[in-house]
Amino acid sequence: DIFRRLTGGQREDGPGHNGAGGAGKDESAYTPGGPEVGQSESGATVYKYDVPPDEREGLRPPQMDEAALAMIDSHIERYVAGEGSGEGLVWHEIISNLVHIDVHVTPPSEERPYYTLITSGMSDLPMNVPPAAEDQKHAELLLCLPADWPLMGENYQMLPDDESYWPVHTLKFLARFPHEYSTWLGVGHTVPNGDPPQPFAEGVGFTGVVLLPPVLFEEEFFRLPVRAGKTIQFLAVVPLYESEMDFKLKHGLDALLDRFDENDVTELIDVHRPNVCPE
């Protein structure tokens, strides 16, 4: 049971279909950036987010923690770059709002025969977390792609093809989301692709994601202490079918993870994987 091993057997359901929330153990002093619209059948609080305030106010220059960004580079080199993976690269964001989100790409290796994509910059600003999640206010995101994924063309530029680019777009959207909406993302949170949820791309059945601890990397990778008051946690982005999101909202995160364990679902994206909660 890989997910229970990594989370220590304790999880709290995160948000429902309309954005990030997460109950925590003490919400008395917590005000998220979106209104609460109800609770799922499993007891998770559901929030809804519309137009972010910053979209109405225009772009705000990002604040960058250069020391932390350098530590993220070293952290990736130490725990992610496998032997024979070749030189990694970074796709730099050209226009940024609030935070500057780059995407580190580690090529496939013998040890890890898949691409690993990790954000940097999401953790430059703290998220608006409830009191019980104070140690989770800085985060970065990751996902993995098969070695044959059409990720880049000549000279390592990204391919602007929705059918192949959607994982990168999803990482960047999620990394900026908590800062735009004054909320947070943590383990167990689900976020849909729109309202109602839409497929990420043509021919792709996934319509949302759940955030989980990575399972393809050693546990020392999960958290990066930067300085007093700042520890970065790395969260895996796992795409979901709509019925899987519905199942999680109805039965809770534990029940969904049982299905994941039975079907070996990890952060390595497989667009052909079976739906573990068929209707």
C-alpha atoms as a PDB file:
ATOM      1  CA  ASP A   1       0.000   0.000   0.000  1.00  0.00           C
ATOM      2  CA  ILE A   2       2.311   2.700  -1.288  1.00  0.00           C
ATOM      3  CA  PHE A   3       0.134   5.712  -0.577  1.00  0.00           C
ATOM      4  CA  ARG A   4      -0.565   4.741   3.044  1.00  0.00           C
ATOM      5  CA  ARG A   5       3.126   4.122   3.597  1.00  0.00           C
ATOM      6  CA  LEU A   6       3.999   7.574   2.330  1.00  0.00           C
ATOM      7  CA  THR A   7       1.294   9.478   4.172  1.00  0.00           C
ATOM      8  CA  GLY A   8       1.698   7.699   7.486  1.00  0.00           C
ATOM      9  CA  GLY A   9      -1.889   6.456   7.396  1.00  0.00           C
ATOM     10  CA  GLN A  10      -3.365   9.920   8.040  1.00  0.00           C
ATOM     11  CA  ARG A  11      -5.031  11.910   5.282  1.00  0.00           C
ATOM     12  CA  GLU A  12      -7.607  14.626   5.189  1.00  0.00           C
ATOM     13  CA  ASP A  13      -9.937  15.038   2.265  1.00  0.00           C
ATOM     14  CA  GLY A  14      -9.213  18.163   0.317  1.00  0.00           C
ATOM     15  CA  PRO A  15     -11.450  20.230  -1.905  1.00  0.00           C
ATOM     16  CA  GLY A  16     -14.224  19.102  -4.114  1.00  0.00           C
ATOM     17  CA  HIS A  17     -15.124  19.838  -7.680  1.00  0.00           C
ATOM     18  CA  ASN A  18     -14.873  23.587  -7.449  1.00  0.00           C
ATOM     19  CA  GLY A  19     -11.419  24.224  -6.111  1.00  0.00           C
ATOM     20  CA  ALA A  20      -9.070  23.914  -3.193  1.00  0.00           C
ATOM     21  CA  GLY A  21     -10.030  23.870   0.404  1.00  0.00           C
ATOM     22  CA  GLY A  22      -9.124  21.137   2.811  1.00  0.00           C
ATOM     23  CA  ALA A  23     -10.657  20.895   6.203  1.00  0.00           C
ATOM     24  CA  GLY A  24      -7.641  20.628   8.456  1.00  0.00           C
ATOM     25  CA  LYS A  25      -8.245  20.220  12.178  1.00  0.00           C
ATOM     26  CA  ASP A  26      -8.924  23.861  12.961  1.00  0.00           C
ATOM     27  CA  GLU A  27     -10.565  26.115  10.392  1.00  0.00           C
ATOM     28  CA  SER A  28     -11.742  28.716  12.866  1.00  0.00           C
ATOM     29  CA  ALA A  29      -9.173  31.278  11.725  1.00  0.00           C
ATOM     30  CA  TYR A  30      -9.080  30.305   8.053  1.00  0.00           C
ATOM     31  CA  THR A  31     -10.607  32.392   5.259  1.00  0.00           C
ATOM     32  CA  PRO A  32      -9.987  31.053   1.720  1.00  0.00           C
ATOM     33  CA  GLY A  33     -10.153  33.145  -1.420  1.00  0.00           C
ATOM     34  CA  GLY A  34     -13.331  31.483  -2.679  1.00  0.00           C
ATOM     35  CA  PRO A  35     -16.747  30.998  -1.072  1.00  0.00           C
ATOM     36  CA  GLU A  36     -17.690  27.689   0.519  1.00  0.00           C
ATOM     37  CA  VAL A  37     -20.485  26.105  -1.515  1.00  0.00           C
ATOM     38  CA  GLY A  38     -21.134  22.997   0.547  1.00  0.00           C
ATOM     39  CA  GLN A  39     -19.696  19.667   1.577  1.00  0.00           C
ATOM     40  CA  SER A  40     -19.204  16.433  -0.306  1.00  0.00           C
ATOM     41  CA  GLU A  41     -20.781  13.202   0.902  1.00  0.00           C
ATOM     42  CA  SER A  42     -17.422  12.227   2.402  1.00  0.00           C
ATOM     43  CA  GLY A  43     -17.372  15.433   4.492  1.00  0.00           C
ATOM     44  CA  ALA A  44     -14.857  17.437   2.418  1.00  0.00           C
ATOM     45  CA  THR A  45     -15.459  21.179   2.182  1.00  0.00           C
ATOM     46  CA  VAL A  46     -16.114  22.381  -1.372  1.00  0.00           C
ATOM     47  CA  TYR A  47     -15.072  25.860  -2.518  1.00  0.00           C
ATOM     48  CA  LYS A  48     -15.838  27.622  -5.781  1.00  0.00           C
ATOM     49  CA  TYR A  49     -13.469  30.048  -7.509  1.00  0.00           C
ATOM     50  CA  ASP A  50     -14.384  32.458 -10.293  1.00  0.00           C
ATOM     51  CA  VAL A  51     -12.252  35.217 -11.819  1.00  0.00           C
ATOM     52  CA  PRO A  52      -9.066  35.727  -9.770  1.00  0.00           C
ATOM     53  CA  PRO A  53      -8.703  39.217  -8.272  1.00  0.00           C
ATOM     54  CA  ASP A  54      -5.366  39.742 -10.003  1.00  0.00           C
ATOM     55  CA  GLU A  55      -6.931  39.177 -13.405  1.00  0.00           C
ATOM     56  CA  ARG A  56      -9.100  42.208 -12.725  1.00  0.00           C
ATOM     57  CA  GLU A  57      -6.205  44.247 -11.371  1.00  0.00           C
ATOM     58  CA  GLY A  58      -3.590  43.384 -13.999  1.00  0.00           C
ATOM     59  CA  LEU A  59      -0.258  41.608 -13.695  1.00  0.00           C
ATOM     60  CA  ARG A  60       1.751  41.876 -10.502  1.00  0.00           C
ATOM     61  CA  PRO A  61       5.539  41.454 -10.700  1.00  0.00           C
ATOM     62  CA  PRO A  62       6.641  38.143  -9.181  1.00  0.00           C
ATOM     63  CA  GLN A  63       8.632  37.917  -5.973  1.00  0.00           C
ATOM     64  CA  MET A  64      11.492  35.456  -6.349  1.00  0.00           C
ATOM     65  CA  ASP A  65      13.415  33.623  -3.620  1.00  0.00           C
ATOM     66  CA  GLU A  66      16.718  33.120  -5.435  1.00  0.00           C
ATOM     67  CA  ALA A  67      18.305  31.122  -2.615  1.00  0.00           C
ATOM     68  CA  ALA A  68      15.387  28.696  -2.510  1.00  0.00           C
ATOM     69  CA  LEU A  69      15.380  28.336  -6.302  1.00  0.00           C
ATOM     70  CA  ALA A  70      19.055  27.376  -6.247  1.00  0.00           C
ATOM     71  CA  MET A  71      18.318  24.788  -3.555  1.00  0.00           C
ATOM     72  CA  ILE A  72      15.499  23.346  -5.673  1.00  0.00           C
ATOM     73  CA  ASP A  73      17.967  22.927  -8.564  1.00  0.00           C
ATOM     74  CA  SER A  74      20.355  20.996  -6.320  1.00  0.00           C
ATOM     75  CA  HIS A  75      17.510  18.967  -4.814  1.00  0.00           C
ATOM     76  CA  ILE A  76      16.359  17.835  -8.256  1.00  0.00           C
ATOM     77  CA  GLU A  77      19.901  16.968  -9.287  1.00  0.00           C
ATOM     78  CA  ARG A  78      20.371  14.894  -6.142  1.00  0.00           C
ATOM     79  CA  TYR A  79      17.094  12.974  -5.982  1.00  0.00           C
ATOM     80  CA  VAL A  80      15.584  12.986  -9.488  1.00  0.00           C
ATOM     81  CA  ALA A  81      18.328  12.948 -12.122  1.00  0.00           C
ATOM     82  CA  GLY A  82      19.118   9.261 -12.598  1.00  0.00           C
ATOM     83  CA  GLU A  83      22.353   7.852 -13.950  1.00  0.00           C
ATOM     84  CA  GLY A  84      22.496   8.248 -17.708  1.00  0.00           C
ATOM     85  CA  SER A  85      19.530  10.619 -17.855  1.00  0.00           C
ATOM     86  CA  GLY A  86      21.433  13.252 -19.767  1.00  0.00           C
ATOM     87  CA  GLU A  87      21.437  16.936 -18.984  1.00  0.00           C
ATOM     88  CA  GLY A  88      18.181  18.316 -17.677  1.00  0.00           C
ATOM     89  CA  LEU A  89      16.702  21.575 -18.875  1.00  0.00           C
ATOM     90  CA  VAL A  90      14.445  24.329 -17.594  1.00  0.00           C
ATOM     91  CA  TRP A  91      11.570  25.898 -19.481  1.00  0.00           C
ATOM     92  CA  HIS A  92      11.578  29.492 -18.294  1.00  0.00           C
ATOM     93  CA  GLU A  93       8.371  31.477 -18.064  1.00  0.00           C
ATOM     94  CA  ILE A  94       8.449  34.678 -20.106  1.00  0.00           C
ATOM     95  CA  ILE A  95       5.495  36.582 -18.648  1.00  0.00           C
ATOM     96  CA  SER A  96       4.689  35.992 -14.981  1.00  0.00           C
ATOM     97  CA  ASN A  97       2.039  37.097 -12.532  1.00  0.00           C
ATOM     98  CA  LEU A  98       2.608  36.960  -8.738  1.00  0.00           C
ATOM     99  CA  VAL A  99       5.059  34.049  -9.017  1.00  0.00           C
ATOM    100  CA  HIS A 100       7.525  33.103 -11.755  1.00  0.00           C
ATOM    101  CA  ILE A 101       6.806  29.466 -12.632  1.00  0.00           C
ATOM    102  CA  ASP A 102       9.559  27.551 -14.420  1.00  0.00           C
ATOM    103  CA  VAL A 103       9.368  23.859 -15.274  1.00  0.00           C
ATOM    104  CA  HIS A 104      12.405  21.618 -14.766  1.00  0.00           C
ATOM    105  CA  VAL A 105      12.548  18.684 -17.187  1.00  0.00           C
ATOM    106  CA  THR A 106      14.646  15.634 -16.304  1.00  0.00           C
ATOM    107  CA  PRO A 107      15.012  13.271 -19.294  1.00  0.00           C
ATOM    108  CA  PRO A 108      14.433   9.505 -19.033  1.00  0.00           C
ATOM    109  CA  SER A 109      17.219   7.366 -17.609  1.00  0.00           C
ATOM    110  CA  GLU A 110      17.888   3.708 -16.981  1.00  0.00           C
ATOM    111  CA  GLU A 111      16.894   4.205 -13.354  1.00  0.00           C
ATOM    112  CA  ARG A 112      13.776   6.236 -14.246  1.00  0.00           C
ATOM    113  CA  PRO A 113      12.690   5.504 -17.836  1.00  0.00           C
ATOM    114  CA  TYR A 114      10.351   8.489 -18.030  1.00  0.00           C
ATOM    115  CA  TYR A 115      10.405  12.295 -18.055  1.00  0.00           C
ATOM    116  CA  THR A 116      10.034  14.077 -14.724  1.00  0.00           C
ATOM    117  CA  LEU A 117       8.600  17.600 -14.755  1.00  0.00           C
ATOM    118  CA  ILE A 118       8.892  19.721 -11.602  1.00  0.00           C
ATOM    119  CA  THR A 119       7.865  23.325 -11.015  1.00  0.00           C
ATOM    120  CA  SER A 120       9.992  25.966  -9.344  1.00  0.00           C
ATOM    121  CA  GLY A 121       8.622  29.287  -8.205  1.00  0.00           C
ATOM    122  CA  MET A 122       5.327  28.219  -6.664  1.00  0.00           C
ATOM    123  CA  SER A 123       7.082  28.152  -3.294  1.00  0.00           C
ATOM    124  CA  ASP A 124       8.399  31.709  -3.636  1.00  0.00           C
ATOM    125  CA  LEU A 125       5.266  32.894  -1.842  1.00  0.00           C
ATOM    126  CA  PRO A 126       3.496  31.162   1.059  1.00  0.00           C
ATOM    127  CA  MET A 127       0.018  29.798   0.402  1.00  0.00           C
ATOM    128  CA  ASN A 128      -2.973  30.836   2.484  1.00  0.00           C
ATOM    129  CA  VAL A 129      -3.167  27.708   4.635  1.00  0.00           C
ATOM    130  CA  PRO A 130      -5.378  26.971   7.658  1.00  0.00           C
ATOM    131  CA  PRO A 131      -3.631  26.923  11.066  1.00  0.00           C
ATOM    132  CA  ALA A 132      -3.345  23.128  11.114  1.00  0.00           C
ATOM    133  CA  ALA A 133      -1.393  23.184   7.829  1.00  0.00           C
ATOM    134  CA  GLU A 134       1.103  25.921   8.710  1.00  0.00           C
ATOM    135  CA  ASP A 135       4.004  23.607   7.827  1.00  0.00           C
ATOM    136  CA  GLN A 136       2.568  23.081   4.318  1.00  0.00           C
ATOM    137  CA  LYS A 137       2.426  26.663   3.068  1.00  0.00           C
ATOM    138  CA  HIS A 138       5.312  26.270   0.584  1.00  0.00           C
ATOM    139  CA  ALA A 139       5.011  23.717  -2.203  1.00  0.00           C
ATOM    140  CA  GLU A 140       6.160  22.694  -5.673  1.00  0.00           C
ATOM    141  CA  LEU A 141       4.451  20.262  -8.042  1.00  0.00           C
ATOM    142  CA  LEU A 142       5.581  17.386 -10.235  1.00  0.00           C
ATOM    143  CA  LEU A 143       4.394  14.733 -12.635  1.00  0.00           C
ATOM    144  CA  CYS A 144       6.035  12.139 -14.870  1.00  0.00           C
ATOM    145  CA  LEU A 145       5.536  11.374 -18.560  1.00  0.00           C
ATOM    146  CA  PRO A 146       6.402   8.269 -20.620  1.00  0.00           C
ATOM    147  CA  ALA A 147       9.697   8.320 -22.492  1.00  0.00           C
ATOM    148  CA  ASP A 148       7.863   8.397 -25.830  1.00  0.00           C
ATOM    149  CA  TRP A 149       5.709  11.414 -24.901  1.00  0.00           C
ATOM    150  CA  PRO A 150       5.968  14.060 -27.690  1.00  0.00           C
ATOM    151  CA  LEU A 151       7.225  16.671 -25.265  1.00  0.00           C
ATOM    152  CA  MET A 152       9.710  18.725 -27.243  1.00  0.00           C
ATOM    153  CA  GLY A 153      10.974  19.386 -30.726  1.00  0.00           C
ATOM    154  CA  GLU A 154      14.366  20.382 -32.016  1.00  0.00           C
ATOM    155  CA  ASN A 155      16.502  22.533 -29.727  1.00  0.00           C
ATOM    156  CA  TYR A 156      14.369  21.308 -26.773  1.00  0.00           C
ATOM    157  CA  GLN A 157      11.542  23.779 -27.351  1.00  0.00           C
ATOM    158  CA  MET A 158       8.090  22.838 -26.089  1.00  0.00           C
ATOM    159  CA  LEU A 159       5.642  21.562 -28.663  1.00  0.00           C
ATOM    160  CA  PRO A 160       2.598  23.891 -28.648  1.00  0.00           C
ATOM    161  CA  ASP A 161       0.252  20.964 -29.226  1.00  0.00           C
ATOM    162  CA  ASP A 162      -2.622  20.691 -26.752  1.00  0.00           C
ATOM    163  CA  GLU A 163      -2.594  16.916 -27.017  1.00  0.00           C
ATOM    164  CA  SER A 164       0.955  16.781 -25.660  1.00  0.00           C
ATOM    165  CA  TYR A 165       1.346  20.116 -23.838  1.00  0.00           C
ATOM    166  CA  TRP A 166      -1.589  19.793 -21.428  1.00  0.00           C
ATOM    167  CA  PRO A 167       0.479  18.276 -18.564  1.00  0.00           C
ATOM    168  CA  VAL A 168       2.820  21.288 -18.650  1.00  0.00           C
ATOM    169  CA  HIS A 169      -0.084  23.725 -18.773  1.00  0.00           C
ATOM    170  CA  THR A 170      -1.736  21.921 -15.862  1.00  0.00           C
ATOM    171  CA  LEU A 171       1.422  22.156 -13.733  1.00  0.00           C
ATOM    172  CA  LYS A 172       1.747  25.885 -14.383  1.00  0.00           C
ATOM    173  CA  PHE A 173      -1.936  26.583 -13.782  1.00  0.00           C
ATOM    174  CA  LEU A 174      -1.964  24.696 -10.488  1.00  0.00           C
ATOM    175  CA  ALA A 175       1.302  26.283  -9.318  1.00  0.00           C
ATOM    176  CA  ARG A 176      -0.166  29.774  -9.705  1.00  0.00           C
ATOM    177  CA  PHE A 177      -3.696  28.892  -8.586  1.00  0.00           C
ATOM    178  CA  PRO A 178      -3.308  29.205  -4.783  1.00  0.00           C
ATOM    179  CA  HIS A 179      -1.615  32.594  -5.109  1.00  0.00           C
ATOM    180  CA  GLU A 180      -4.207  33.985  -7.504  1.00  0.00           C
ATOM    181  CA  TYR A 181      -7.118  32.859  -5.351  1.00  0.00           C
ATOM    182  CA  SER A 182      -5.616  33.245  -1.851  1.00  0.00           C
ATOM    183  CA  THR A 183      -6.042  29.553  -1.035  1.00  0.00           C
ATOM    184  CA  TRP A 184      -3.824  26.472  -0.811  1.00  0.00           C
ATOM    185  CA  LEU A 185      -3.124  23.074  -2.309  1.00  0.00           C
ATOM    186  CA  GLY A 186      -2.181  20.040  -0.252  1.00  0.00           C
ATOM    187  CA  VAL A 187      -2.323  16.250  -0.121  1.00  0.00           C
ATOM    188  CA  GLY A 188      -5.769  14.955  -1.079  1.00  0.00           C
ATOM    189  CA  HIS A 189      -6.981  18.123  -2.762  1.00  0.00           C
ATOM    190  CA  THR A 190      -8.837  17.622  -6.033  1.00  0.00           C
ATOM    191  CA  VAL A 191      -9.130  20.306  -8.714  1.00  0.00           C
ATOM    192  CA  PRO A 192     -11.351  19.929 -11.802  1.00  0.00           C
ATOM    193  CA  ASN A 193     -10.553  21.224 -15.264  1.00  0.00           C
ATOM    194  CA  GLY A 194     -13.350  23.767 -15.392  1.00  0.00           C
ATOM    195  CA  ASP A 195     -16.941  23.786 -14.195  1.00  0.00           C
ATOM    196  CA  PRO A 196     -18.330  21.486 -15.417  1.00  0.00           C
ATOM    197  CA  PRO A 197     -15.068  19.530 -15.776  1.00  0.00           C
ATOM    198  CA  GLN A 198     -13.746  19.200 -19.327  1.00  0.00           C
ATOM    199  CA  PRO A 199     -11.117  16.830 -20.807  1.00  0.00           C
ATOM    200  CA  PHE A 200      -7.618  18.299 -20.734  1.00  0.00           C
ATOM    201  CA  ALA A 201      -7.204  17.664 -24.458  1.00  0.00           C
ATOM    202  CA  GLU A 202      -8.852  15.890 -27.350  1.00  0.00           C
ATOM    203  CA  GLY A 203      -8.606  12.160 -26.896  1.00  0.00           C
ATOM    204  CA  VAL A 204      -7.774  12.486 -23.178  1.00  0.00           C
ATOM    205  CA  GLY A 205     -10.311  11.142 -20.687  1.00  0.00           C
ATOM    206  CA  PHE A 206      -8.957  12.965 -17.628  1.00  0.00           C
ATOM    207  CA  THR A 207     -10.965  15.967 -16.407  1.00  0.00           C
ATOM    208  CA  GLY A 208      -9.253  16.862 -13.124  1.00  0.00           C
ATOM    209  CA  VAL A 209      -6.404  16.041 -10.763  1.00  0.00           C
ATOM    210  CA  VAL A 210      -5.684  14.949  -7.218  1.00  0.00           C
ATOM    211  CA  LEU A 211      -2.549  15.978  -5.324  1.00  0.00           C
ATOM    212  CA  LEU A 212      -0.638  13.203  -3.547  1.00  0.00           C
ATOM    213  CA  PRO A 213       2.804  12.436  -2.136  1.00  0.00           C
ATOM    214  CA  PRO A 214       5.146  11.202  -4.905  1.00  0.00           C
ATOM    215  CA  VAL A 215       5.544   7.439  -4.993  1.00  0.00           C
ATOM    216  CA  LEU A 216       8.259   7.086  -7.626  1.00  0.00           C
ATOM    217  CA  PHE A 217      10.924   8.846  -5.540  1.00  0.00           C
ATOM    218  CA  GLU A 218      12.560   8.224  -2.187  1.00  0.00           C
ATOM    219  CA  GLU A 219      11.003   9.861   0.836  1.00  0.00           C
ATOM    220  CA  GLU A 220      13.987  12.191   1.375  1.00  0.00           C
ATOM    221  CA  PHE A 221      12.869  13.992  -1.778  1.00  0.00           C
ATOM    222  CA  PHE A 222       9.437  14.957  -0.440  1.00  0.00           C
ATOM    223  CA  ARG A 223      10.495  17.929   1.698  1.00  0.00           C
ATOM    224  CA  LEU A 224      13.239  20.508   1.220  1.00  0.00           C
ATOM    225  CA  PRO A 225      14.170  22.600   4.308  1.00  0.00           C
ATOM    226  CA  VAL A 226      15.209  26.045   3.101  1.00  0.00           C
ATOM    227  CA  ARG A 227      15.452  28.098   6.284  1.00  0.00           C
ATOM    228  CA  ALA A 228      13.591  28.602   9.538  1.00  0.00           C
ATOM    229  CA  GLY A 229       9.924  28.969   8.671  1.00  0.00           C
ATOM    230  CA  LYS A 230      10.273  27.700   5.111  1.00  0.00           C
ATOM    231  CA  THR A 231      10.200  24.043   4.102  1.00  0.00           C
ATOM    232  CA  ILE A 232       9.084  23.146   0.595  1.00  0.00           C
ATOM    233  CA  GLN A 233       6.944  20.049   0.088  1.00  0.00           C
ATOM    234  CA  PHE A 234       6.776  18.361  -3.318  1.00  0.00           C
ATOM    235  CA  LEU A 235       3.323  17.195  -4.397  1.00  0.00           C
ATOM    236  CA  ALA A 236       2.549  14.805  -7.248  1.00  0.00           C
ATOM    237  CA  VAL A 237      -0.190  15.752  -9.702  1.00  0.00           C
ATOM    238  CA  VAL A 238      -2.242  12.670 -10.634  1.00  0.00           C
ATOM    239  CA  PRO A 239      -4.891  13.111 -13.361  1.00  0.00           C
ATOM    240  CA  LEU A 240      -8.400  11.766 -12.700  1.00  0.00           C
ATOM    241  CA  TYR A 241     -11.420  10.727 -14.680  1.00  0.00           C
ATOM    242  CA  GLU A 242     -14.595  12.562 -13.697  1.00  0.00           C
ATOM    243  CA  SER A 243     -16.103   9.464 -12.088  1.00  0.00           C
ATOM    244  CA  GLU A 244     -12.928   9.099  -9.986  1.00  0.00           C
ATOM    245  CA  MET A 245     -13.373  12.658  -8.708  1.00  0.00           C
ATOM    246  CA  ASP A 246     -17.016  11.911  -7.955  1.00  0.00           C
ATOM    247  CA  PHE A 247     -16.038   8.703  -6.159  1.00  0.00           C
ATOM    248  CA  LYS A 248     -13.503  10.531  -4.005  1.00  0.00           C
ATOM    249  CA  LEU A 249     -16.043  13.192  -3.055  1.00  0.00           C
ATOM    250  CA  LYS A 250     -18.587  10.555  -2.114  1.00  0.00           C
ATOM    251  CA  HIS A 251     -16.393   7.964  -0.399  1.00  0.00           C
ATOM    252  CA  GLY A 252     -13.265   9.901   0.652  1.00  0.00           C
ATOM    253  CA  LEU A 253      -9.601   9.844  -0.254  1.00  0.00           C
ATOM    254  CA  ASP A 254      -8.811   6.523   1.445  1.00  0.00           C
ATOM    255  CA  ALA A 255     -11.323   4.689  -0.734  1.00  0.00           C
ATOM    256  CA  LEU A 256      -9.874   6.213  -3.910  1.00  0.00           C
ATOM    257  CA  LEU A 257      -6.327   5.349  -2.874  1.00  0.00           C
ATOM    258  CA  ASP A 258      -7.368   1.756  -2.281  1.00  0.00           C
ATOM    259  CA  ARG A 259      -8.395   1.667  -5.945  1.00  0.00           C
ATOM    260  CA  PHE A 260      -5.123   3.326  -6.966  1.00  0.00           C
ATOM    261  CA  ASP A 261      -3.110   0.748  -5.041  1.00  0.00           C
ATOM    262  CA  GLU A 262      -5.002  -2.110  -6.658  1.00  0.00           C
ATOM    263  CA  ASN A 263      -4.298  -0.714 -10.126  1.00  0.00           C
ATOM    264  CA  ASP A 264      -0.732   0.646  -9.610  1.00  0.00           C
ATOM    265  CA  VAL A 265      -1.709   4.258 -10.367  1.00  0.00           C
ATOM    266  CA  THR A 266       1.161   6.697  -9.732  1.00  0.00           C
ATOM    267  CA  GLU A 267       2.264  10.142 -10.905  1.00  0.00           C
ATOM    268  CA  LEU A 268       3.512   8.570 -14.163  1.00  0.00           C
ATOM    269  CA  ILE A 269       0.746   9.622 -16.545  1.00  0.00           C
ATOM    270  CA  ASP A 270      -0.818   6.900 -18.649  1.00  0.00           C
ATOM    271  CA  VAL A 271      -3.619   8.289 -20.814  1.00  0.00           C
ATOM    272  CA  HIS A 272      -4.745   4.733 -21.527  1.00  0.00           C
ATOM    273  CA  ARG A 273      -4.970   3.558 -17.906  1.00  0.00           C
ATOM    274  CA  PRO A 274      -8.305   2.066 -16.879  1.00  0.00           C
ATOM    275  CA  ASN A 275     -10.773   4.127 -14.911  1.00  0.00           C
ATOM    276  CA  VAL A 276     -10.525   2.722 -11.367  1.00  0.00           C
ATOM    277  CA  CYS A 277     -14.041   3.946 -10.529  1.00  0.00           C
ATOM    278  CA  PRO A 278     -16.149   3.123 -13.591  1.00  0.00           C
ATOM    279  CA  GLU A 279     -19.730   4.299 -13.399  1.00  0.00           C
END
